[in-house]
Amino acid sequence: MRLSDLGYKEIVNLSNGCRYGQLADSELLFDPRQGKIKALLVPEFTGRFHFGGSEFLQLPWNCIKKIGEDIIIVDADI
């Protein structure tokens, strides 16, 4: 699977049912020493609209439980 195949999958938190938007709207946080992904940085929507603010929620990469056909399920206490 390519990263471009993941872009339009919806991110959903299993522990609280929150939807965090699509992976394409997120950033990836890398560990430069190991070259591995550390976390997903998903935009934090504080109101009805999000106008490019710099507020992000950090979802650790090890919280990803399942990558399905249309959805990415994470289990994080946020």
N, C-alpha and C. Protein backbone atom coordinates (compact mmCIF):
# COMPACT_ATOMS: atom_id res chain seq x y z
N MET A 1 0.85 -1.17 0.00
CA MET A 1 0.00 0.00 0.00
C MET A 1 0.89 1.24 0.00
N ARG A 2 0.53 2.19 -0.81
CA ARG A 2 1.29 3.44 -0.90
C ARG A 2 0.66 4.49 0.01
N LEU A 3 1.46 5.47 0.37
CA LEU A 3 0.97 6.56 1.20
C LEU A 3 -0.18 7.29 0.50
N SER A 4 -0.11 7.43 -0.81
CA SER A 4 -1.19 8.10 -1.54
C SER A 4 -2.51 7.33 -1.43
N ASP A 5 -2.45 6.01 -1.22
CA ASP A 5 -3.67 5.22 -1.03
C ASP A 5 -4.31 5.49 0.32
N LEU A 6 -3.54 5.97 1.28
CA LEU A 6 -4.04 6.24 2.62
C LEU A 6 -4.69 7.61 2.76
N GLY A 7 -4.37 8.52 1.85
CA GLY A 7 -4.73 9.93 1.98
C GLY A 7 -6.17 10.24 2.28
N TYR A 8 -7.11 9.51 1.68
CA TYR A 8 -8.51 9.85 1.85
C TYR A 8 -9.24 8.96 2.85
N LYS A 9 -8.48 8.24 3.64
CA LYS A 9 -9.09 7.43 4.69
C LYS A 9 -9.40 8.32 5.90
N GLU A 10 -10.56 8.10 6.49
CA GLU A 10 -11.00 8.85 7.67
C GLU A 10 -10.31 8.30 8.91
N ILE A 11 -9.87 9.18 9.82
CA ILE A 11 -9.24 8.76 11.07
C ILE A 11 -10.29 8.83 12.17
N VAL A 12 -10.51 7.70 12.87
CA VAL A 12 -11.52 7.62 13.93
C VAL A 12 -10.87 7.03 15.17
N ASN A 13 -11.19 7.64 16.33
CA ASN A 13 -10.66 7.17 17.60
C ASN A 13 -11.63 6.15 18.21
N LEU A 14 -11.16 4.95 18.45
CA LEU A 14 -11.96 3.87 19.00
C LEU A 14 -12.42 4.17 20.43
N SER A 15 -11.58 4.83 21.23
CA SER A 15 -11.91 5.02 22.64
C SER A 15 -13.00 6.06 22.89
N ASN A 16 -13.13 7.06 22.01
CA ASN A 16 -14.16 8.08 22.25
C ASN A 16 -15.06 8.35 21.04
N GLY A 17 -14.82 7.68 19.92
CA GLY A 17 -15.65 7.84 18.74
C GLY A 17 -15.42 9.11 17.94
N CYS A 18 -14.43 9.92 18.31
CA CYS A 18 -14.16 11.16 17.60
C CYS A 18 -13.61 10.89 16.21
N ARG A 19 -14.03 11.74 15.28
CA ARG A 19 -13.50 11.70 13.92
C ARG A 19 -12.51 12.85 13.79
N TYR A 20 -11.34 12.56 13.24
CA TYR A 20 -10.28 13.57 13.12
C TYR A 20 -10.03 14.00 11.69
N GLY A 21 -10.94 13.68 10.78
CA GLY A 21 -10.75 14.07 9.38
C GLY A 21 -9.97 13.01 8.62
N GLN A 22 -9.50 13.40 7.46
CA GLN A 22 -8.78 12.48 6.60
C GLN A 22 -7.28 12.57 6.84
N LEU A 23 -6.61 11.49 6.53
CA LEU A 23 -5.16 11.46 6.70
C LEU A 23 -4.49 12.53 5.85
N ALA A 24 -5.07 12.86 4.70
CA ALA A 24 -4.50 13.89 3.82
C ALA A 24 -4.44 15.26 4.49
N ASP A 25 -5.29 15.49 5.50
CA ASP A 25 -5.31 16.76 6.23
C ASP A 25 -4.32 16.78 7.38
N SER A 26 -3.66 15.67 7.63
CA SER A 26 -2.76 15.52 8.77
C SER A 26 -1.30 15.68 8.35
N GLU A 27 -0.45 15.78 9.36
CA GLU A 27 0.99 15.80 9.16
C GLU A 27 1.57 14.55 9.81
N LEU A 28 2.74 14.14 9.36
CA LEU A 28 3.43 13.01 9.97
C LEU A 28 4.64 13.53 10.74
N LEU A 29 4.83 13.05 11.95
CA LEU A 29 5.97 13.42 12.77
C LEU A 29 6.97 12.28 12.72
N PHE A 30 8.18 12.55 12.21
CA PHE A 30 9.21 11.53 12.05
C PHE A 30 10.28 11.63 13.13
N ASP A 31 10.86 10.48 13.46
CA ASP A 31 12.05 10.43 14.30
C ASP A 31 13.24 10.43 13.34
N PRO A 32 14.00 11.53 13.29
CA PRO A 32 15.08 11.63 12.31
C PRO A 32 16.21 10.62 12.53
N ARG A 33 16.40 10.17 13.74
CA ARG A 33 17.48 9.21 14.01
C ARG A 33 17.14 7.82 13.49
N GLN A 34 15.88 7.40 13.69
CA GLN A 34 15.48 6.06 13.29
C GLN A 34 14.80 6.03 11.93
N GLY A 35 14.36 7.19 11.43
CA GLY A 35 13.67 7.25 10.16
C GLY A 35 12.29 6.62 10.20
N LYS A 36 11.68 6.61 11.38
CA LYS A 36 10.36 6.02 11.55
C LYS A 36 9.33 7.10 11.87
N ILE A 37 8.07 6.80 11.56
CA ILE A 37 6.98 7.71 11.90
C ILE A 37 6.70 7.59 13.39
N LYS A 38 6.69 8.72 14.09
CA LYS A 38 6.40 8.72 15.52
C LYS A 38 4.93 8.97 15.82
N ALA A 39 4.29 9.86 15.04
CA ALA A 39 2.92 10.24 15.35
C ALA A 39 2.24 10.86 14.14
N LEU A 40 0.93 10.87 14.22
CA LEU A 40 0.11 11.65 13.29
C LEU A 40 -0.25 12.95 13.98
N LEU A 41 -0.13 14.05 13.29
CA LEU A 41 -0.55 15.34 13.80
C LEU A 41 -1.81 15.72 13.05
N VAL A 42 -2.94 15.61 13.73
CA VAL A 42 -4.23 15.89 13.10
C VAL A 42 -4.71 17.27 13.52
N PRO A 43 -5.30 18.02 12.59
CA PRO A 43 -5.79 19.37 12.94
C PRO A 43 -6.83 19.29 14.04
N GLU A 44 -6.70 20.19 14.99
CA GLU A 44 -7.66 20.28 16.08
C GLU A 44 -8.72 21.29 15.69
N PHE A 45 -9.94 20.82 15.47
CA PHE A 45 -11.04 21.69 15.08
C PHE A 45 -11.69 22.23 16.34
N THR A 46 -11.54 23.52 16.57
CA THR A 46 -12.09 24.13 17.78
C THR A 46 -13.46 24.74 17.54
N GLY A 47 -13.81 24.92 16.31
CA GLY A 47 -15.12 25.48 15.96
C GLY A 47 -15.67 24.76 14.75
N ARG A 48 -16.59 25.39 14.10
CA ARG A 48 -17.20 24.77 12.93
C ARG A 48 -16.25 24.76 11.74
N PHE A 49 -15.41 25.78 11.62
CA PHE A 49 -14.48 25.87 10.50
C PHE A 49 -13.06 25.92 11.03
N HIS A 50 -12.14 25.48 10.19
CA HIS A 50 -10.72 25.49 10.54
C HIS A 50 -9.99 26.24 9.44
N PHE A 51 -9.40 27.37 9.77
CA PHE A 51 -8.78 28.22 8.77
C PHE A 51 -7.26 28.17 8.86
N GLY A 52 -6.69 26.98 8.81
CA GLY A 52 -5.24 26.85 8.73
C GLY A 52 -4.51 27.22 10.00
N GLY A 53 -5.15 27.09 11.15
CA GLY A 53 -4.46 27.36 12.41
C GLY A 53 -3.37 26.34 12.67
N SER A 54 -2.59 26.56 13.67
CA SER A 54 -1.45 25.67 13.92
C SER A 54 -1.71 24.73 15.09
N GLU A 55 -2.96 24.52 15.47
CA GLU A 55 -3.28 23.63 16.57
C GLU A 55 -3.45 22.21 16.05
N PHE A 56 -2.66 21.29 16.60
CA PHE A 56 -2.71 19.89 16.19
C PHE A 56 -2.82 18.99 17.41
N LEU A 57 -3.52 17.88 17.24
CA LEU A 57 -3.51 16.81 18.22
C LEU A 57 -2.48 15.79 17.77
N GLN A 58 -1.72 15.27 18.71
CA GLN A 58 -0.69 14.29 18.37
C GLN A 58 -1.20 12.89 18.72
N LEU A 59 -1.33 12.05 17.70
CA LEU A 59 -1.76 10.67 17.88
C LEU A 59 -0.54 9.77 17.65
N PRO A 60 0.00 9.15 18.71
CA PRO A 60 1.17 8.29 18.54
C PRO A 60 0.93 7.19 17.51
N TRP A 61 1.93 6.92 16.71
CA TRP A 61 1.82 5.94 15.63
C TRP A 61 1.43 4.56 16.17
N ASN A 62 1.89 4.22 17.37
CA ASN A 62 1.57 2.90 17.92
C ASN A 62 0.12 2.80 18.39
N CYS A 63 -0.64 3.90 18.33
CA CYS A 63 -2.07 3.88 18.67
C CYS A 63 -2.93 3.43 17.50
N ILE A 64 -2.34 3.31 16.31
CA ILE A 64 -3.10 2.84 15.15
C ILE A 64 -3.37 1.36 15.34
N LYS A 65 -4.65 1.00 15.34
CA LYS A 65 -5.05 -0.38 15.57
C LYS A 65 -5.39 -1.11 14.28
N LYS A 66 -5.96 -0.39 13.32
CA LYS A 66 -6.38 -1.04 12.08
C LYS A 66 -6.45 -0.01 10.96
N ILE A 67 -5.95 -0.38 9.80
CA ILE A 67 -6.11 0.42 8.59
C ILE A 67 -7.00 -0.38 7.67
N GLY A 68 -8.24 0.10 7.53
CA GLY A 68 -9.22 -0.60 6.71
C GLY A 68 -9.32 0.01 5.33
N GLU A 69 -10.33 -0.41 4.59
CA GLU A 69 -10.51 0.06 3.22
C GLU A 69 -10.88 1.55 3.16
N ASP A 70 -11.67 2.02 4.14
CA ASP A 70 -12.10 3.42 4.14
C ASP A 70 -11.74 4.19 5.40
N ILE A 71 -11.15 3.54 6.39
CA ILE A 71 -11.00 4.15 7.70
C ILE A 71 -9.68 3.72 8.35
N ILE A 72 -9.15 4.60 9.19
CA ILE A 72 -8.00 4.29 10.03
C ILE A 72 -8.48 4.38 11.46
N ILE A 73 -8.39 3.29 12.20
CA ILE A 73 -8.86 3.26 13.58
C ILE A 73 -7.67 3.41 14.52
N VAL A 74 -7.76 4.40 15.40
CA VAL A 74 -6.75 4.61 16.43
C VAL A 74 -7.41 4.41 17.79
N ASP A 75 -6.61 4.09 18.80
CA ASP A 75 -7.10 3.95 20.16
C ASP A 75 -6.21 4.80 21.06
N ALA A 76 -6.63 6.06 21.26
CA ALA A 76 -5.84 7.00 22.04
C ALA A 76 -6.72 7.73 23.04
N ASP A 77 -6.25 7.89 24.25
CA ASP A 77 -6.96 8.66 25.27
C ASP A 77 -6.60 10.12 25.16
N ILE A 78 -7.37 10.84 24.36
CA ILE A 78 -7.10 12.27 24.15
C ILE A 78 -8.33 13.04 24.57
